[in-house]
Protein backbone atom coordinates (compact mmCIF):
# COMPACT_ATOMS: atom_id res chain seq x y z
CA VAL A 1 0.00 0.00 0.00
CA VAL A 2 1.38 3.40 -1.05
CA ASN A 3 -0.43 6.68 -0.34
CA GLY A 4 -3.46 4.70 0.82
CA LYS A 5 -3.76 2.77 -2.44
CA VAL A 6 -2.80 -0.81 -3.12
CA CYS A 7 -0.03 -1.05 -5.70
CA LYS A 8 -1.01 -3.31 -8.56
CA ASN A 9 1.50 -5.87 -9.71
CA PRO A 10 2.99 -4.30 -12.88
CA LYS A 11 2.49 -7.62 -14.68
CA ASP A 12 -1.27 -7.24 -14.10
CA ALA A 13 -1.48 -3.65 -15.37
CA MET A 14 -3.74 -2.99 -18.35
CA PRO A 15 -4.12 0.03 -20.67
CA GLY A 16 -7.38 0.91 -18.86
CA ASP A 17 -5.39 1.51 -15.67
CA PHE A 18 -3.89 4.58 -17.39
CA PHE A 19 -6.97 5.94 -19.17
CA PHE A 20 -9.94 8.21 -18.52
CA HIS A 21 -12.71 9.00 -21.00
CA GLY A 22 -14.97 12.02 -20.87
CA LEU A 23 -13.00 15.14 -19.94
CA ASP A 24 -14.44 16.76 -23.07
CA LYS A 25 -17.96 16.59 -21.57
CA PRO A 26 -19.26 19.68 -19.71
CA GLY A 27 -20.15 19.13 -16.06
CA ASN A 28 -23.54 20.07 -14.59
CA THR A 29 -23.30 23.62 -13.20
CA LYS A 30 -26.92 23.80 -12.02
CA ASN A 31 -26.07 23.91 -8.32
CA ALA A 32 -25.62 26.45 -5.52
CA VAL A 33 -22.13 27.55 -6.62
CA GLY A 34 -22.65 27.39 -10.39
CA SER A 35 -19.66 25.18 -11.12
CA ASN A 36 -18.66 21.56 -11.55
CA VAL A 37 -15.26 19.96 -11.03
CA THR A 38 -14.60 16.75 -12.97
CA GLN A 39 -11.70 15.03 -11.23
CA VAL A 40 -9.14 12.81 -12.88
CA ASN A 41 -7.07 11.48 -10.01
CA VAL A 42 -5.96 8.10 -8.68
CA GLU A 43 -9.61 7.18 -8.04
CA GLN A 44 -10.38 7.41 -11.78
CA ILE A 45 -6.97 6.33 -13.14
CA PRO A 46 -5.36 3.71 -10.88
CA GLY A 47 -2.12 4.04 -12.85
CA LEU A 48 -1.58 7.46 -11.24
CA ASN A 49 -0.72 5.76 -7.95
CA THR A 50 2.69 7.08 -6.80
CA LEU A 51 3.10 9.33 -9.89
CA GLY A 52 2.30 12.59 -8.08
CA ILE A 53 0.01 14.15 -10.68
CA SER A 54 -3.70 14.56 -11.43
CA ALA A 55 -6.01 16.81 -13.42
CA VAL A 56 -9.44 18.44 -13.28
CA ARG A 57 -11.88 20.09 -15.67
CA ILE A 58 -13.83 22.96 -14.13
CA ASP A 59 -17.03 24.18 -15.76
CA TYR A 60 -18.52 27.50 -14.64
CA ALA A 61 -21.99 28.90 -15.33
CA PRO A 62 -22.15 32.68 -15.79
CA TRP A 63 -21.07 34.14 -12.42
CA GLY A 64 -20.40 30.62 -11.14
CA GLN A 65 -17.55 30.05 -8.75
CA ASN A 66 -15.17 27.42 -7.50
CA PRO A 67 -15.40 28.65 -3.89
CA PRO A 68 -12.35 29.24 -1.68
CA HIS A 69 -10.61 25.95 -0.96
CA THR A 70 -7.15 24.49 -0.49
CA HIS A 71 -5.11 21.52 -1.65
CA PRO A 72 -2.86 20.59 1.28
CA ARG A 73 -0.85 18.18 -0.88
CA ALA A 74 -0.65 19.95 -4.25
CA THR A 75 0.26 23.00 -6.29
CA GLU A 76 -2.28 23.69 -9.05
CA ILE A 77 -1.71 25.19 -12.49
CA LEU A 78 -4.92 26.37 -14.19
CA VAL A 79 -5.44 27.05 -17.92
CA VAL A 80 -8.52 28.95 -19.13
CA LEU A 81 -10.00 27.28 -22.23
CA GLU A 82 -13.12 29.47 -22.57
CA GLY A 83 -14.47 32.52 -20.80
CA THR A 84 -13.17 35.09 -18.33
CA LEU A 85 -12.23 34.15 -14.77
CA TYR A 86 -11.24 36.24 -11.76
CA VAL A 87 -8.87 34.04 -9.75
CA GLY A 88 -6.66 34.39 -6.74
CA PHE A 89 -5.04 33.04 -3.63
CA VAL A 90 -4.31 34.38 -0.15
CA THR A 91 -0.92 34.06 1.50
CA SER A 92 -0.41 33.08 5.14
CA ASN A 93 -0.29 35.18 8.31
CA GLN A 94 3.52 35.44 8.00
CA ASP A 95 2.94 37.42 4.77
CA ASN A 96 0.07 39.58 6.09
CA ASN A 97 -2.59 37.48 4.32
CA ARG A 98 -1.99 39.17 0.97
CA LEU A 99 -4.36 38.57 -1.93
CA PHE A 100 -2.79 37.67 -5.27
CA ALA A 101 -5.56 37.98 -7.87
CA LYS A 102 -5.84 38.37 -11.63
CA THR A 103 -8.46 38.41 -14.37
CA LEU A 104 -7.75 35.58 -16.81
CA TYR A 105 -8.86 35.19 -20.41
CA LYS A 106 -8.80 32.28 -22.86
CA GLY A 107 -5.28 30.87 -23.01
CA ASP A 108 -4.11 32.45 -19.74
CA VAL A 109 -2.43 30.39 -17.03
CA PHE A 110 -2.28 30.95 -13.25
CA VAL A 111 -0.57 28.98 -10.46
CA PHE A 112 -1.98 28.34 -6.98
CA PRO A 113 0.82 27.38 -4.55
CA GLU A 114 0.41 24.27 -2.42
CA GLY A 115 -1.72 24.67 0.67
CA LEU A 116 -2.91 28.24 0.04
CA ILE A 117 -6.59 29.15 -0.01
CA HIS A 118 -7.64 29.95 -3.58
CA PHE A 119 -10.73 30.53 -5.73
CA GLN A 120 -12.05 31.10 -9.25
CA LEU A 121 -15.06 33.18 -10.32
CA ASN A 122 -16.57 33.39 -13.80
CA ILE A 123 -17.04 37.13 -14.32
CA GLY A 124 -18.51 36.71 -17.79
CA ASP A 125 -22.07 36.34 -18.99
CA LYS A 126 -21.23 33.08 -20.80
CA ASN A 127 -20.06 29.68 -19.59
CA ALA A 128 -16.36 29.28 -18.84
CA VAL A 129 -14.12 26.20 -18.85
CA ALA A 130 -10.68 25.59 -17.34
CA LEU A 131 -8.31 22.65 -17.06
CA ALA A 132 -5.92 22.28 -14.16
CA ALA A 133 -3.05 19.98 -13.34
CA LEU A 134 -2.16 19.25 -9.72
CA SER A 135 1.09 17.95 -8.27
CA SER A 136 -0.50 15.08 -6.37
CA GLN A 137 -2.29 11.87 -7.27
CA ASN A 138 -4.98 12.93 -4.75
CA PRO A 139 -4.70 16.67 -4.00
């Protein structure tokens, strides 16, 4: 067992252990926060076990948000595919809790350092989509 997951004997590994289908499909944003996060981590791709990486697709309705949250085990790099997002993170007490925020457009990239509280908000009147990679198999 590594990182809480049983390691599969490499001789028993199959292509499906390294595959996920469906990240091109929009998630349902009809909820209280107006967003949906489709996770692709070790739960969906067992072959990620011990590799230290995962991904997500985030769909945002107009004015939808991915509310403030943290990843205690991962840095996140976010790429805007469609729409306009206002994103940011807050540093710790040792740095006077500074806000680092930016408006992002299609093709823009922003990094959220490991463990810091961060958020995304769709400030457009159309749907927005982002992809993110995280430096953990289970951030």
